[in-house]
Each structure stands twice: as structure tokens, then as C-alpha cells.
Amino acid sequence: MAVREVLRYPNPVLKTEARALDEGERELAERVGRDLLDTMRSFPRCVGIAAPQLGELVRMIVVDVTDHPKATACHGELVLVNPRVVESSGAAVAREGCLSIPDLTANVRRATHVTIEASAPDGDPRRVETEGFEARCLLHEIDHLDGILFLDRVDSLATDVFRRKSYG
């Protein structure tokens, strides 16, 4: 268990597709899951982080929107291995930020309702049906697994990207 350094753009790892974890890699999944949780919790307003942000090119994310004012749905602490979107609907534009691009925020269009299938680090299957802010956070973190950053999703770099005043 450790708080790890978060990679910052333009580190090329952030633009690299992560590999799926096999069932025989539970020890790795549990270690990366603990590191993701510890690192996320070390940033007071952070609601999610993906393994590539820690330099681990494996398909793992952590999301927890508990007590966040924008959260209308909340499944608590989600540690997901090999997450994939199986259904999505609706669309809304909202502001996003990222630990790997700490000086910017941007307006990003994402689905408002999603169903995610994944595994827990111990191999148990997980299915998450959610909406709103939690759905947005899950989609943002899953994008990291495919080497996609939130700036890749903005409609206009000229009008939809903003300097962050502070992080925290």
C-alpha cells in the first residue's frame, strides 16, 4: 500500500492503451487497487484515478463519489478490474478536471446513464448501473485505460478549456 506519484501529461504512458488483467494476476490487481485507493485518498477532492496515471498499464480504476455534492447516484468505493461499458444513454456537457492535467479543466460531453461490467480485484464479477456524476467519473477513468484524456473529448479547444484557479 502506497501513495504513488501521479503521471502528468505529456507523459507518453497516459496516451497508451492498458492491457487487460488475467484471472491469475489477482495479487497484482490487489496491490494496484490498494495503491490507487491510497493515492486517490491523498488528494482531498479526488473522486477517481486509473492505473495508467500511476504508470501501471493495466485495466484498473477506482471511483468513489461518496459525499460529493454533484453525486445523485453513489455506489461507494468502486475498485474495478477490466471495466467495460456495456450500455450508455443520454448526453450532457459538464466541467471535468484530472490529476494528470492539474492546471486545466474543460467542458466534456458524456453519457448520463451507464452500465459497467468488471471484476473486483478478488475476481468477483461486478455490474454497476449508474447515472449523472458517478457515470461521468467512471467514463473519465475508463477513457484513461484506452489512452484517452478528457482534453481529447472537448468540442472546441478554444472555447471549452479553462485554466484551473486552484486544485484542492
N, C-alpha and C. Protein backbone atom coordinates (compact mmCIF):
# COMPACT_ATOMS: atom_id res chain seq x y z
N MET A 1 0.84 -1.18 0.00
CA MET A 1 0.00 0.00 0.00
C MET A 1 0.88 1.23 0.00
N ALA A 2 0.58 2.14 -0.94
CA ALA A 2 1.44 3.31 -1.04
C ALA A 2 0.75 4.41 -1.82
N VAL A 3 1.06 5.63 -1.42
CA VAL A 3 0.68 6.78 -2.23
C VAL A 3 1.74 6.89 -3.31
N ARG A 4 1.31 6.86 -4.55
CA ARG A 4 2.25 6.87 -5.67
C ARG A 4 2.22 8.22 -6.38
N GLU A 5 3.28 8.50 -7.10
CA GLU A 5 3.35 9.70 -7.93
C GLU A 5 2.34 9.56 -9.07
N VAL A 6 1.62 10.65 -9.35
CA VAL A 6 0.67 10.68 -10.45
C VAL A 6 1.38 11.24 -11.68
N LEU A 7 1.37 10.48 -12.77
CA LEU A 7 1.99 10.94 -14.01
C LEU A 7 1.23 12.14 -14.55
N ARG A 8 1.97 13.06 -15.15
CA ARG A 8 1.36 14.25 -15.75
C ARG A 8 1.56 14.24 -17.25
N TYR A 9 0.55 14.75 -17.93
CA TYR A 9 0.65 14.95 -19.37
C TYR A 9 1.79 15.94 -19.61
N PRO A 10 2.68 15.70 -20.57
CA PRO A 10 2.60 14.82 -21.74
C PRO A 10 3.29 13.47 -21.60
N ASN A 11 3.38 12.91 -20.39
CA ASN A 11 4.00 11.59 -20.25
C ASN A 11 3.33 10.62 -21.22
N PRO A 12 4.10 9.94 -22.08
CA PRO A 12 3.50 9.08 -23.11
C PRO A 12 2.71 7.89 -22.57
N VAL A 13 2.96 7.49 -21.34
CA VAL A 13 2.18 6.38 -20.74
C VAL A 13 0.70 6.73 -20.72
N LEU A 14 0.39 8.01 -20.51
CA LEU A 14 -1.01 8.45 -20.43
C LEU A 14 -1.76 8.30 -21.75
N LYS A 15 -1.05 8.20 -22.85
CA LYS A 15 -1.68 8.06 -24.17
C LYS A 15 -1.54 6.64 -24.71
N THR A 16 -1.24 5.69 -23.81
CA THR A 16 -1.02 4.29 -24.19
C THR A 16 -2.17 3.43 -23.70
N GLU A 17 -2.64 2.53 -24.53
CA GLU A 17 -3.72 1.62 -24.13
C GLU A 17 -3.20 0.61 -23.11
N ALA A 18 -3.96 0.41 -22.05
CA ALA A 18 -3.59 -0.54 -20.99
C ALA A 18 -4.05 -1.94 -21.36
N ARG A 19 -3.35 -2.93 -20.81
CA ARG A 19 -3.69 -4.32 -21.09
C ARG A 19 -4.66 -4.85 -20.04
N ALA A 20 -5.47 -5.82 -20.45
CA ALA A 20 -6.39 -6.48 -19.52
C ALA A 20 -5.60 -7.33 -18.53
N LEU A 21 -6.12 -7.43 -17.33
CA LEU A 21 -5.53 -8.31 -16.33
C LEU A 21 -6.16 -9.69 -16.44
N ASP A 22 -5.33 -10.72 -16.33
CA ASP A 22 -5.82 -12.10 -16.34
C ASP A 22 -6.25 -12.49 -14.94
N GLU A 23 -7.07 -13.53 -14.85
CA GLU A 23 -7.55 -14.01 -13.56
C GLU A 23 -6.40 -14.44 -12.65
N GLY A 24 -5.31 -14.91 -13.22
CA GLY A 24 -4.16 -15.34 -12.43
C GLY A 24 -3.33 -14.20 -11.88
N GLU A 25 -3.73 -12.97 -12.12
CA GLU A 25 -2.97 -11.80 -11.66
C GLU A 25 -3.65 -11.10 -10.49
N ARG A 26 -4.31 -11.86 -9.66
CA ARG A 26 -5.05 -11.26 -8.54
C ARG A 26 -4.15 -10.51 -7.57
N GLU A 27 -2.95 -11.04 -7.34
CA GLU A 27 -2.01 -10.36 -6.45
C GLU A 27 -1.67 -8.97 -6.98
N LEU A 28 -1.39 -8.90 -8.28
CA LEU A 28 -1.12 -7.61 -8.92
C LEU A 28 -2.35 -6.70 -8.81
N ALA A 29 -3.53 -7.24 -9.08
CA ALA A 29 -4.76 -6.45 -9.01
C ALA A 29 -4.98 -5.90 -7.60
N GLU A 30 -4.73 -6.70 -6.60
CA GLU A 30 -4.92 -6.24 -5.22
C GLU A 30 -3.91 -5.16 -4.85
N ARG A 31 -2.65 -5.32 -5.29
CA ARG A 31 -1.63 -4.31 -5.00
C ARG A 31 -1.94 -3.00 -5.69
N VAL A 32 -2.26 -3.08 -6.99
CA VAL A 32 -2.57 -1.85 -7.74
C VAL A 32 -3.83 -1.20 -7.17
N GLY A 33 -4.83 -2.00 -6.82
CA GLY A 33 -6.05 -1.46 -6.22
C GLY A 33 -5.77 -0.70 -4.94
N ARG A 34 -4.94 -1.25 -4.07
CA ARG A 34 -4.59 -0.55 -2.82
C ARG A 34 -3.85 0.75 -3.12
N ASP A 35 -2.90 0.71 -4.06
CA ASP A 35 -2.15 1.92 -4.42
C ASP A 35 -3.07 2.98 -5.02
N LEU A 36 -4.01 2.56 -5.86
CA LEU A 36 -4.97 3.51 -6.44
C LEU A 36 -5.80 4.17 -5.34
N LEU A 37 -6.31 3.38 -4.41
CA LEU A 37 -7.10 3.93 -3.31
C LEU A 37 -6.28 4.89 -2.46
N ASP A 38 -5.07 4.48 -2.07
CA ASP A 38 -4.22 5.33 -1.23
C ASP A 38 -3.90 6.64 -1.94
N THR A 39 -3.58 6.55 -3.22
CA THR A 39 -3.22 7.75 -3.98
C THR A 39 -4.43 8.65 -4.15
N MET A 40 -5.59 8.08 -4.51
CA MET A 40 -6.80 8.89 -4.66
C MET A 40 -7.13 9.61 -3.36
N ARG A 41 -7.07 8.90 -2.25
CA ARG A 41 -7.42 9.48 -0.95
C ARG A 41 -6.44 10.57 -0.52
N SER A 42 -5.23 10.58 -1.07
CA SER A 42 -4.25 11.60 -0.70
C SER A 42 -4.57 12.96 -1.32
N PHE A 43 -5.52 12.99 -2.26
CA PHE A 43 -5.98 14.23 -2.88
C PHE A 43 -7.41 14.47 -2.39
N PRO A 44 -7.63 15.45 -1.53
CA PRO A 44 -8.92 15.60 -0.84
C PRO A 44 -10.16 15.64 -1.73
N ARG A 45 -10.11 16.24 -2.90
CA ARG A 45 -11.31 16.35 -3.74
C ARG A 45 -11.33 15.35 -4.89
N CYS A 46 -10.40 14.43 -4.90
CA CYS A 46 -10.30 13.46 -6.00
C CYS A 46 -11.39 12.40 -5.85
N VAL A 47 -12.06 12.07 -6.97
CA VAL A 47 -13.14 11.08 -6.97
C VAL A 47 -12.82 9.87 -7.84
N GLY A 48 -11.64 9.85 -8.46
CA GLY A 48 -11.29 8.71 -9.29
C GLY A 48 -9.86 8.78 -9.79
N ILE A 49 -9.33 7.61 -10.11
CA ILE A 49 -7.98 7.52 -10.66
C ILE A 49 -7.87 6.18 -11.40
N ALA A 50 -7.02 6.16 -12.41
CA ALA A 50 -6.82 4.96 -13.22
C ALA A 50 -5.37 4.50 -13.12
N ALA A 51 -5.17 3.20 -13.25
CA ALA A 51 -3.83 2.62 -13.12
C ALA A 51 -2.77 3.28 -14.02
N PRO A 52 -3.08 3.61 -15.28
CA PRO A 52 -2.05 4.26 -16.10
C PRO A 52 -1.54 5.58 -15.51
N GLN A 53 -2.35 6.26 -14.71
CA GLN A 53 -1.90 7.50 -14.09
C GLN A 53 -0.79 7.25 -13.06
N LEU A 54 -0.68 6.00 -12.61
CA LEU A 54 0.39 5.62 -11.69
C LEU A 54 1.52 4.90 -12.42
N GLY A 55 1.43 4.87 -13.76
CA GLY A 55 2.46 4.20 -14.54
C GLY A 55 2.23 2.71 -14.71
N GLU A 56 1.08 2.22 -14.29
CA GLU A 56 0.72 0.80 -14.41
C GLU A 56 -0.19 0.64 -15.61
N LEU A 57 0.29 0.02 -16.67
CA LEU A 57 -0.51 -0.12 -17.89
C LEU A 57 -1.40 -1.37 -17.83
N VAL A 58 -2.26 -1.38 -16.81
CA VAL A 58 -3.25 -2.44 -16.64
C VAL A 58 -4.62 -1.78 -16.51
N ARG A 59 -5.67 -2.54 -16.86
CA ARG A 59 -7.03 -2.00 -16.90
C ARG A 59 -7.68 -2.07 -15.51
N MET A 60 -7.36 -1.05 -14.71
CA MET A 60 -7.93 -0.92 -13.37
C MET A 60 -8.24 0.53 -13.08
N ILE A 61 -9.38 0.75 -12.42
CA ILE A 61 -9.76 2.09 -12.00
C ILE A 61 -10.33 2.04 -10.58
N VAL A 62 -10.34 3.21 -9.96
CA VAL A 62 -11.01 3.40 -8.68
C VAL A 62 -11.87 4.65 -8.81
N VAL A 63 -13.11 4.57 -8.34
CA VAL A 63 -14.02 5.71 -8.31
C VAL A 63 -14.76 5.68 -6.98
N ASP A 64 -14.88 6.85 -6.34
CA ASP A 64 -15.69 6.97 -5.12
C ASP A 64 -16.23 8.39 -5.04
N VAL A 65 -17.52 8.55 -5.28
CA VAL A 65 -18.15 9.87 -5.26
C VAL A 65 -18.92 10.11 -3.95
N THR A 66 -18.67 9.28 -2.95
CA THR A 66 -19.34 9.41 -1.66
C THR A 66 -19.22 10.84 -1.13
N ASP A 67 -20.34 11.41 -0.75
CA ASP A 67 -20.42 12.76 -0.16
C ASP A 67 -20.07 13.89 -1.14
N HIS A 68 -19.91 13.59 -2.41
CA HIS A 68 -19.64 14.67 -3.36
C HIS A 68 -20.95 15.39 -3.66
N PRO A 69 -20.95 16.73 -3.65
CA PRO A 69 -22.21 17.46 -3.85
C PRO A 69 -22.87 17.24 -5.22
N LYS A 70 -22.11 16.85 -6.23
CA LYS A 70 -22.70 16.62 -7.55
C LYS A 70 -23.26 15.21 -7.72
N ALA A 71 -22.99 14.33 -6.76
CA ALA A 71 -23.39 12.93 -6.91
C ALA A 71 -24.86 12.73 -6.56
N THR A 72 -25.63 12.26 -7.54
CA THR A 72 -27.02 11.88 -7.30
C THR A 72 -27.14 10.37 -7.15
N ALA A 73 -26.19 9.65 -7.69
CA ALA A 73 -26.09 8.19 -7.52
C ALA A 73 -24.71 7.90 -6.95
N CYS A 74 -24.64 6.90 -6.07
CA CYS A 74 -23.35 6.59 -5.46
C CYS A 74 -23.32 5.12 -5.06
N HIS A 75 -22.36 4.40 -5.58
CA HIS A 75 -22.15 3.00 -5.23
C HIS A 75 -20.99 2.84 -4.25
N GLY A 76 -20.57 3.93 -3.64
CA GLY A 76 -19.45 3.87 -2.70
C GLY A 76 -18.14 3.66 -3.42
N GLU A 77 -17.23 3.03 -2.73
CA GLU A 77 -15.89 2.80 -3.26
C GLU A 77 -15.92 1.68 -4.29
N LEU A 78 -15.56 2.02 -5.53
CA LEU A 78 -15.53 1.05 -6.62
C LEU A 78 -14.09 0.82 -7.05
N VAL A 79 -13.62 -0.41 -6.90
CA VAL A 79 -12.30 -0.81 -7.39
C VAL A 79 -12.58 -1.83 -8.48
N LEU A 80 -12.35 -1.44 -9.74
CA LEU A 80 -12.79 -2.24 -10.88
C LEU A 80 -11.62 -2.69 -11.75
N VAL A 81 -11.63 -3.98 -12.06
CA VAL A 81 -10.62 -4.60 -12.93
C VAL A 81 -11.29 -4.89 -14.27
N ASN A 82 -10.62 -4.50 -15.34
CA ASN A 82 -11.12 -4.72 -16.71
C ASN A 82 -12.53 -4.18 -16.92
N PRO A 83 -12.79 -2.93 -16.49
CA PRO A 83 -14.14 -2.39 -16.67
C PRO A 83 -14.45 -2.14 -18.14
N ARG A 84 -15.71 -2.36 -18.48
CA ARG A 84 -16.14 -2.05 -19.85
C ARG A 84 -17.57 -1.54 -19.80
N VAL A 85 -17.85 -0.60 -20.69
CA VAL A 85 -19.18 -0.03 -20.80
C VAL A 85 -20.02 -0.98 -21.64
N VAL A 86 -21.12 -1.48 -21.08
CA VAL A 86 -21.99 -2.38 -21.84
C VAL A 86 -23.26 -1.68 -22.30
N GLU A 87 -23.63 -0.58 -21.65
CA GLU A 87 -24.76 0.23 -22.08
C GLU A 87 -24.49 1.67 -21.71
N SER A 88 -24.95 2.58 -22.56
CA SER A 88 -24.89 4.00 -22.22
C SER A 88 -26.02 4.72 -22.93
N SER A 89 -26.51 5.79 -22.30
CA SER A 89 -27.57 6.58 -22.91
C SER A 89 -27.52 8.00 -22.38
N GLY A 90 -28.24 8.87 -23.07
CA GLY A 90 -28.27 10.27 -22.69
C GLY A 90 -26.96 10.95 -22.99
N ALA A 91 -26.94 12.25 -22.81
CA ALA A 91 -25.71 13.02 -23.00
C ALA A 91 -25.85 14.35 -22.29
N ALA A 92 -24.76 14.79 -21.70
CA ALA A 92 -24.71 16.10 -21.06
C ALA A 92 -23.28 16.60 -21.10
N VAL A 93 -23.16 17.92 -21.12
CA VAL A 93 -21.85 18.56 -21.06
C VAL A 93 -21.64 19.06 -19.63
N ALA A 94 -20.47 18.78 -19.08
CA ALA A 94 -20.13 19.28 -17.75
C ALA A 94 -18.62 19.45 -17.66
N ARG A 95 -18.20 20.22 -16.66
CA ARG A 95 -16.79 20.52 -16.45
C ARG A 95 -16.09 19.33 -15.82
N GLU A 96 -14.88 19.02 -16.33
CA GLU A 96 -14.05 17.95 -15.79
C GLU A 96 -12.64 18.45 -15.56
N GLY A 97 -11.96 17.80 -14.64
CA GLY A 97 -10.55 18.02 -14.40
C GLY A 97 -9.87 16.68 -14.23
N CYS A 98 -8.55 16.72 -14.04
CA CYS A 98 -7.80 15.46 -13.96
C CYS A 98 -6.49 15.71 -13.22
N LEU A 99 -6.12 14.77 -12.35
CA LEU A 99 -4.85 14.89 -11.64
C LEU A 99 -3.66 14.93 -12.60
N SER A 100 -3.80 14.31 -13.76
CA SER A 100 -2.69 14.26 -14.73
C SER A 100 -2.59 15.52 -15.58
N ILE A 101 -3.61 16.36 -15.52
CA ILE A 101 -3.58 17.66 -16.21
C ILE A 101 -4.09 18.68 -15.19
N PRO A 102 -3.32 18.94 -14.14
CA PRO A 102 -3.83 19.68 -12.99
C PRO A 102 -4.14 21.15 -13.22
N ASP A 103 -3.62 21.74 -14.26
CA ASP A 103 -3.80 23.18 -14.47
C ASP A 103 -4.99 23.54 -15.34
N LEU A 104 -5.70 22.53 -15.87
CA LEU A 104 -6.80 22.80 -16.79
C LEU A 104 -8.07 22.07 -16.38
N THR A 105 -9.21 22.64 -16.78
CA THR A 105 -10.50 21.95 -16.74
C THR A 105 -11.12 22.15 -18.11
N ALA A 106 -12.17 21.39 -18.40
CA ALA A 106 -12.80 21.53 -19.72
C ALA A 106 -14.24 21.03 -19.68
N ASN A 107 -15.03 21.57 -20.59
CA ASN A 107 -16.40 21.09 -20.79
C ASN A 107 -16.34 19.85 -21.66
N VAL A 108 -16.91 18.75 -21.16
CA VAL A 108 -16.85 17.47 -21.86
C VAL A 108 -18.25 16.87 -21.94
N ARG A 109 -18.62 16.39 -23.12
CA ARG A 109 -19.91 15.72 -23.32
C ARG A 109 -19.72 14.23 -23.05
N ARG A 110 -20.58 13.69 -22.17
CA ARG A 110 -20.54 12.26 -21.85
C ARG A 110 -21.97 11.75 -21.67
N ALA A 111 -22.10 10.42 -21.73
CA ALA A 111 -23.38 9.77 -21.45
C ALA A 111 -23.80 10.08 -20.02
N THR A 112 -25.11 10.15 -19.79
CA THR A 112 -25.63 10.43 -18.46
C THR A 112 -26.01 9.17 -17.69
N HIS A 113 -26.21 8.07 -18.40
CA HIS A 113 -26.54 6.78 -17.77
C HIS A 113 -25.61 5.72 -18.35
N VAL A 114 -25.00 4.90 -17.50
CA VAL A 114 -24.12 3.84 -17.98
C VAL A 114 -24.30 2.56 -17.17
N THR A 115 -24.00 1.47 -17.83
CA THR A 115 -23.86 0.18 -17.17
C THR A 115 -22.46 -0.32 -17.44
N ILE A 116 -21.75 -0.64 -16.38
CA ILE A 116 -20.36 -1.08 -16.45
C ILE A 116 -20.28 -2.51 -15.94
N GLU A 117 -19.56 -3.35 -16.66
CA GLU A 117 -19.25 -4.69 -16.16
C GLU A 117 -17.75 -4.78 -15.93
N ALA A 118 -17.37 -5.43 -14.84
CA ALA A 118 -15.96 -5.53 -14.46
C ALA A 118 -15.82 -6.66 -13.46
N SER A 119 -14.64 -6.75 -12.88
CA SER A 119 -14.39 -7.66 -11.77
C SER A 119 -13.83 -6.85 -10.62
N ALA A 120 -14.00 -7.36 -9.42
CA ALA A 120 -13.30 -6.82 -8.26
C ALA A 120 -11.89 -7.42 -8.27
N PRO A 121 -10.95 -6.86 -7.52
CA PRO A 121 -9.59 -7.42 -7.50
C PRO A 121 -9.54 -8.89 -7.11
N ASP A 122 -10.51 -9.36 -6.32
CA ASP A 122 -10.52 -10.77 -5.92
C ASP A 122 -11.15 -11.68 -6.97
N GLY A 123 -11.56 -11.09 -8.10
CA GLY A 123 -12.12 -11.88 -9.20
C GLY A 123 -13.64 -11.93 -9.24
N ASP A 124 -14.31 -11.46 -8.19
CA ASP A 124 -15.77 -11.47 -8.19
C ASP A 124 -16.31 -10.52 -9.26
N PRO A 125 -17.34 -10.95 -10.00
CA PRO A 125 -17.90 -10.07 -11.04
C PRO A 125 -18.62 -8.88 -10.42
N ARG A 126 -18.55 -7.75 -11.12
CA ARG A 126 -19.24 -6.53 -10.69
C ARG A 126 -20.04 -5.99 -11.86
N ARG A 127 -21.21 -5.47 -11.56
CA ARG A 127 -22.04 -4.78 -12.55
C ARG A 127 -22.54 -3.51 -11.87
N VAL A 128 -22.28 -2.37 -12.48
CA VAL A 128 -22.66 -1.09 -11.91
C VAL A 128 -23.55 -0.37 -12.91
N GLU A 129 -24.77 -0.06 -12.49
CA GLU A 129 -25.69 0.76 -13.28
C GLU A 129 -25.80 2.08 -12.55
N THR A 130 -25.45 3.18 -13.22
CA THR A 130 -25.44 4.46 -12.53
C THR A 130 -25.72 5.60 -13.50
N GLU A 131 -25.76 6.80 -12.95
CA GLU A 131 -26.10 7.98 -13.74
C GLU A 131 -25.36 9.20 -13.21
N GLY A 132 -25.50 10.28 -13.96
CA GLY A 132 -25.01 11.58 -13.51
C GLY A 132 -23.51 11.62 -13.28
N PHE A 133 -23.14 12.25 -12.17
CA PHE A 133 -21.73 12.49 -11.86
C PHE A 133 -20.94 11.19 -11.73
N GLU A 134 -21.52 10.18 -11.08
CA GLU A 134 -20.81 8.90 -10.94
C GLU A 134 -20.56 8.26 -12.30
N ALA A 135 -21.55 8.34 -13.20
CA ALA A 135 -21.37 7.82 -14.56
C ALA A 135 -20.25 8.57 -15.27
N ARG A 136 -20.24 9.88 -15.14
CA ARG A 136 -19.20 10.71 -15.76
C ARG A 136 -17.82 10.31 -15.24
N CYS A 137 -17.70 10.13 -13.94
CA CYS A 137 -16.41 9.75 -13.35
C CYS A 137 -15.94 8.39 -13.86
N LEU A 138 -16.84 7.42 -13.92
CA LEU A 138 -16.48 6.10 -14.44
C LEU A 138 -16.01 6.19 -15.89
N LEU A 139 -16.73 6.94 -16.71
CA LEU A 139 -16.35 7.07 -18.12
C LEU A 139 -15.00 7.77 -18.26
N HIS A 140 -14.76 8.80 -17.45
CA HIS A 140 -13.47 9.52 -17.48
C HIS A 140 -12.32 8.55 -17.16
N GLU A 141 -12.50 7.75 -16.12
CA GLU A 141 -11.42 6.82 -15.73
C GLU A 141 -11.24 5.70 -16.74
N ILE A 142 -12.33 5.17 -17.29
CA ILE A 142 -12.22 4.13 -18.32
C ILE A 142 -11.50 4.67 -19.55
N ASP A 143 -11.74 5.94 -19.90
CA ASP A 143 -11.01 6.56 -21.00
C ASP A 143 -9.49 6.45 -20.79
N HIS A 144 -9.04 6.67 -19.56
CA HIS A 144 -7.60 6.57 -19.28
C HIS A 144 -7.04 5.21 -19.70
N LEU A 145 -7.84 4.17 -19.58
CA LEU A 145 -7.37 2.82 -19.91
C LEU A 145 -7.15 2.65 -21.41
N ASP A 146 -7.76 3.53 -22.20
CA ASP A 146 -7.61 3.49 -23.65
C ASP A 146 -6.69 4.61 -24.16
N GLY A 147 -5.99 5.26 -23.24
CA GLY A 147 -5.07 6.34 -23.63
C GLY A 147 -5.78 7.61 -24.06
N ILE A 148 -7.02 7.79 -23.58
CA ILE A 148 -7.81 8.97 -23.93
C ILE A 148 -7.88 9.89 -22.71
N LEU A 149 -7.53 11.15 -22.91
CA LEU A 149 -7.61 12.15 -21.85
C LEU A 149 -8.83 13.04 -22.07
N PHE A 150 -9.30 13.69 -21.01
CA PHE A 150 -10.51 14.49 -21.15
C PHE A 150 -10.37 15.59 -22.20
N LEU A 151 -9.17 16.10 -22.41
CA LEU A 151 -8.98 17.13 -23.44
C LEU A 151 -9.22 16.57 -24.85
N ASP A 152 -9.08 15.26 -25.01
CA ASP A 152 -9.36 14.63 -26.31
C ASP A 152 -10.85 14.64 -26.62
N ARG A 153 -11.68 14.90 -25.64
CA ARG A 153 -13.14 14.82 -25.80
C ARG A 153 -13.82 16.18 -25.91
N VAL A 154 -13.07 17.27 -25.82
CA VAL A 154 -13.72 18.59 -25.90
C VAL A 154 -14.12 18.91 -27.33
N ASP A 155 -15.22 19.64 -27.47
CA ASP A 155 -15.66 20.06 -28.80
C ASP A 155 -14.76 21.14 -29.37
N SER A 156 -14.33 22.09 -28.53
CA SER A 156 -13.52 23.20 -29.01
C SER A 156 -12.43 23.53 -28.00
N LEU A 157 -11.17 23.38 -28.40
CA LEU A 157 -10.07 23.76 -27.52
C LEU A 157 -10.08 25.26 -27.23
N ALA A 158 -10.67 26.04 -28.13
CA ALA A 158 -10.70 27.50 -27.96
C ALA A 158 -11.73 27.95 -26.93
N THR A 159 -12.89 27.27 -26.87
CA THR A 159 -13.97 27.75 -26.01
C THR A 159 -14.31 26.84 -24.83
N ASP A 160 -13.82 25.60 -24.83
CA ASP A 160 -14.23 24.64 -23.81
C ASP A 160 -13.13 24.27 -22.81
N VAL A 161 -11.96 24.89 -22.89
CA VAL A 161 -10.85 24.57 -21.99
C VAL A 161 -10.55 25.81 -21.15
N PHE A 162 -10.32 25.58 -19.83
CA PHE A 162 -10.16 26.70 -18.89
C PHE A 162 -8.98 26.43 -17.96
N ARG A 163 -8.29 27.50 -17.57
CA ARG A 163 -7.23 27.39 -16.56
C ARG A 163 -7.88 27.16 -15.21
N ARG A 164 -7.36 26.20 -14.47
CA ARG A 164 -7.88 25.94 -13.12
C ARG A 164 -7.30 26.99 -12.19
N LYS A 165 -8.16 27.56 -11.35
CA LYS A 165 -7.70 28.56 -10.40
C LYS A 165 -6.92 27.92 -9.26
N SER A 166 -7.40 26.77 -8.78
CA SER A 166 -6.68 26.03 -7.74
C SER A 166 -7.16 24.60 -7.75
N TYR A 167 -6.36 23.70 -7.24
CA TYR A 167 -6.77 22.29 -7.12
C TYR A 167 -6.75 21.94 -5.66
N GLY A 168 -7.92 21.65 -5.12
CA GLY A 168 -7.96 21.27 -3.71
C GLY A 168 -9.14 21.80 -3.01
